[in-house]
Protein backbone atom coordinates (compact mmCIF):
# COMPACT_ATOMS: atom_id res chain seq x y z
CA MET A 1 0.00 0.00 0.00
CA GLN A 2 1.34 3.41 -0.94
CA LEU A 3 1.77 6.10 1.73
CA ALA A 4 -0.99 8.32 0.32
CA GLU A 5 -3.52 5.47 0.39
CA ALA A 6 -2.45 4.36 3.89
CA LYS A 7 -2.67 7.94 5.15
CA ALA A 8 -6.16 8.37 3.65
CA GLN A 9 -7.33 5.09 5.23
CA PHE A 10 -5.89 6.06 8.62
CA ILE A 11 -7.58 9.47 8.53
CA ALA A 12 -10.94 7.96 7.51
CA ASN A 13 -10.78 5.26 10.18
CA TRP A 14 -9.53 7.58 12.95
CA GLY A 15 -12.48 9.78 12.10
CA ARG A 16 -14.82 6.84 12.54
CA PHE A 17 -13.11 5.79 15.80
CA GLY A 18 -13.24 9.35 17.14
CA THR A 19 -17.01 9.23 17.34
CA ASN A 20 -16.54 6.49 19.97
CA TRP A 21 -14.55 8.82 22.22
CA GLY A 22 -17.02 11.63 22.03
CA ILE A 23 -15.88 13.84 19.19
CA ASN A 24 -17.26 14.36 15.72
CA ARG A 25 -15.82 12.66 12.66
CA THR A 26 -14.28 15.80 11.15
CA MET A 27 -12.58 16.72 14.41
CA ALA A 28 -11.07 13.22 14.59
CA GLN A 29 -10.00 13.37 10.94
CA ILE A 30 -8.21 16.69 11.53
CA HIS A 31 -6.52 15.13 14.56
CA ALA A 32 -5.47 12.12 12.46
CA LEU A 33 -4.09 14.35 9.71
CA LEU A 34 -2.03 16.32 12.24
CA LEU A 35 -0.87 13.09 13.94
CA VAL A 36 0.66 11.73 10.74
CA SER A 37 1.96 15.02 9.37
CA PRO A 38 5.70 15.43 9.87
CA ASP A 39 5.34 19.22 9.97
CA HIS A 40 2.81 21.61 11.42
CA LEU A 41 -0.05 22.56 9.09
CA SER A 42 -2.03 25.73 8.53
CA ALA A 43 -5.81 25.77 8.59
CA ASP A 44 -5.69 26.23 4.80
CA GLU A 45 -3.64 23.04 4.42
CA VAL A 46 -6.06 21.15 6.68
CA MET A 47 -9.01 22.45 4.61
CA GLU A 48 -7.37 21.45 1.36
CA GLN A 49 -6.22 17.99 2.43
CA LEU A 50 -9.57 17.05 4.02
CA ASN A 51 -11.77 18.99 1.59
CA ILE A 52 -13.63 20.84 4.37
CA SER A 53 -14.80 24.42 4.77
CA ARG A 54 -12.85 27.13 6.58
CA GLY A 55 -15.51 27.36 9.29
CA ASN A 56 -15.48 23.61 9.83
CA ALA A 57 -11.68 23.54 10.00
CA ASN A 58 -11.44 26.49 12.39
CA MET A 59 -14.22 25.28 14.69
CA ASN A 60 -12.74 21.77 14.96
CA LEU A 61 -9.16 23.00 15.39
CA ARG A 62 -10.33 25.19 18.30
CA GLU A 63 -12.12 22.22 19.84
CA LEU A 64 -9.01 20.04 19.46
CA ILE A 65 -7.03 22.75 21.22
CA ASP A 66 -9.66 22.79 24.00
CA TRP A 67 -9.29 19.02 24.34
CA GLY A 68 -5.51 19.47 24.65
CA LEU A 69 -4.82 17.28 21.62
CA VAL A 70 -3.57 20.00 19.28
CA GLN A 71 -1.35 23.02 19.85
CA LYS A 72 -0.85 26.22 17.90
CA VAL A 73 2.63 26.72 16.50
CA ILE A 74 4.03 30.22 16.07
CA VAL A 75 6.11 30.58 12.93
CA PRO A 76 8.18 33.78 12.89
CA GLY A 77 7.30 36.00 9.95
CA GLU A 78 4.08 34.09 9.18
CA ARG A 79 0.64 35.61 9.62
CA LYS A 80 -1.13 32.26 9.34
CA GLU A 81 -1.73 30.07 12.35
CA PHE A 82 -0.16 26.62 12.26
CA PHE A 83 -1.15 23.52 14.21
CA THR A 84 0.45 20.32 15.37
CA ALA A 85 -0.75 17.29 17.30
CA GLU A 86 0.92 15.44 20.15
CA LYS A 87 2.61 12.41 18.58
CA ASP A 88 3.06 10.37 21.80
CA ILE A 89 0.02 8.09 21.75
CA TRP A 90 0.26 7.43 25.50
CA LYS A 91 -0.13 11.16 26.10
CA VAL A 92 -2.97 11.32 23.56
CA ALA A 93 -4.83 8.45 25.26
CA ARG A 94 -4.36 10.01 28.71
CA GLN A 95 -5.62 13.36 27.44
CA ILE A 96 -8.70 11.79 25.86
CA VAL A 97 -9.45 9.91 29.09
CA LYS A 98 -8.93 13.10 31.10
CA GLU A 99 -11.31 15.08 28.89
CA ARG A 100 -13.97 12.38 28.78
CA LYS A 101 -13.77 12.06 32.57
CA LYS A 102 -14.10 15.84 32.98
CA ARG A 103 -17.01 16.10 30.53
CA GLU A 104 -18.93 13.06 31.73
CA LEU A 105 -17.93 11.39 34.99
CA ASP A 106 -17.06 14.57 36.89
CA LEU A 107 -20.53 15.91 36.04
CA MET A 108 -22.37 12.68 36.79
CA ILE A 109 -20.96 11.93 40.28
CA PRO A 110 -22.48 14.99 42.02
CA VAL A 111 -25.85 14.26 40.40
CA LEU A 112 -25.73 10.67 41.68
CA LYS A 113 -24.78 11.94 45.14
CA ASP A 114 -27.83 14.23 45.16
CA LEU A 115 -30.08 11.42 43.90
CA SER A 116 -28.81 9.12 46.68
CA ASP A 117 -30.57 11.31 49.24
CA VAL A 118 -34.07 10.62 47.95
CA GLU A 119 -36.74 10.84 50.61
CA GLY A 120 -39.06 7.94 51.30
CA ASP A 121 -39.53 4.77 53.24
CA ARG A 122 -36.71 2.31 52.40
CA ARG A 123 -39.22 -0.52 52.97
CA ASP A 124 -41.20 0.75 49.97
CA LYS A 125 -40.17 -1.41 46.98
CA ALA A 126 -40.00 1.54 44.57
CA VAL A 127 -37.87 3.67 46.94
CA LYS A 128 -35.56 0.73 47.72
CA THR A 129 -35.11 -0.20 44.04
CA PHE A 130 -34.37 3.42 43.09
CA THR A 131 -31.91 4.09 45.94
CA ASP A 132 -30.13 0.75 45.53
CA THR A 133 -29.73 1.32 41.80
CA ILE A 134 -28.45 4.88 42.23
CA GLN A 135 -26.08 3.77 45.00
CA ASN A 136 -24.66 0.96 42.82
CA ILE A 137 -24.14 3.34 39.89
CA ARG A 138 -22.55 5.86 42.25
CA LYS A 139 -20.13 3.29 43.73
CA PHE A 140 -19.17 2.12 40.24
CA SER A 141 -18.72 5.71 39.02
CA GLU A 142 -16.57 6.68 41.99
CA GLN A 143 -14.37 3.59 41.51
CA ALA A 144 -14.08 4.35 37.79
CA ASP A 145 -13.18 7.94 38.71
CA ARG A 146 -10.35 6.78 41.00
CA THR A 147 -9.11 4.29 38.42
CA LEU A 148 -9.09 6.89 35.65
CA ASP A 149 -7.29 9.37 37.93
CA THR A 150 -4.61 6.72 38.48
CA MET A 151 -4.28 6.15 34.73
CA ILE A 152 -4.09 9.87 33.98
CA LYS A 153 -1.28 10.33 36.49
CA ALA A 154 0.51 7.08 35.66
CA ASP A 155 3.76 6.55 33.87
CA GLU A 156 3.28 4.45 30.73
CA HIS A 157 5.66 1.66 31.82
CA TRP A 158 4.06 1.44 35.28
CA PHE A 159 0.55 1.33 33.78
CA TRP A 160 1.29 -1.49 31.34
CA SER A 161 3.26 -3.57 33.85
CA SER A 162 0.44 -3.16 36.39
CA LEU A 163 -2.14 -4.16 33.81
CA MET A 164 -0.11 -7.23 32.86
CA LYS A 165 0.20 -8.22 36.52
CA LEU A 166 -3.55 -7.80 36.92
CA PHE A 167 -4.17 -10.28 34.10
CA GLY A 168 -1.44 -12.61 35.30
CA ALA A 169 0.72 -12.22 32.21
CA LYS A 170 4.46 -12.66 32.41
CA HIS A 171 6.47 -9.73 31.05
């Protein structure tokens, strides 16, 4: 497979995968393009290579910056803005987990805490079912929160060796 074809397939598939981690296809495709580009790219180059509008490119580049996956690059003497993506996939994965946690889990845990304090007689089947369910979701969410915090702070080698130990694999 030639580089151009492989690059196009990677960008298309990363775009499809990106929807699974909570971003739109175009945003993921821009991220993929920047991941595999050896040099920083301008918004014009992104637009041209992905055949997208200026507004679409600018909006998604800003969002990628907000996610911490893309950085602006200052080029002396250039008026255009340039962009690059973090190439270390461990850092990319940690950043995605961090953002998803912030946008979802960090918002859900306080809601579950509030819902845990529902008034009513615990002997009532409906009250008991509701409070037990909320409490189980809350416990799971809080454990997931602690686990994700550990992953976000972890060194790559430590994380993988710990995971291998957990599954009993020899390394």
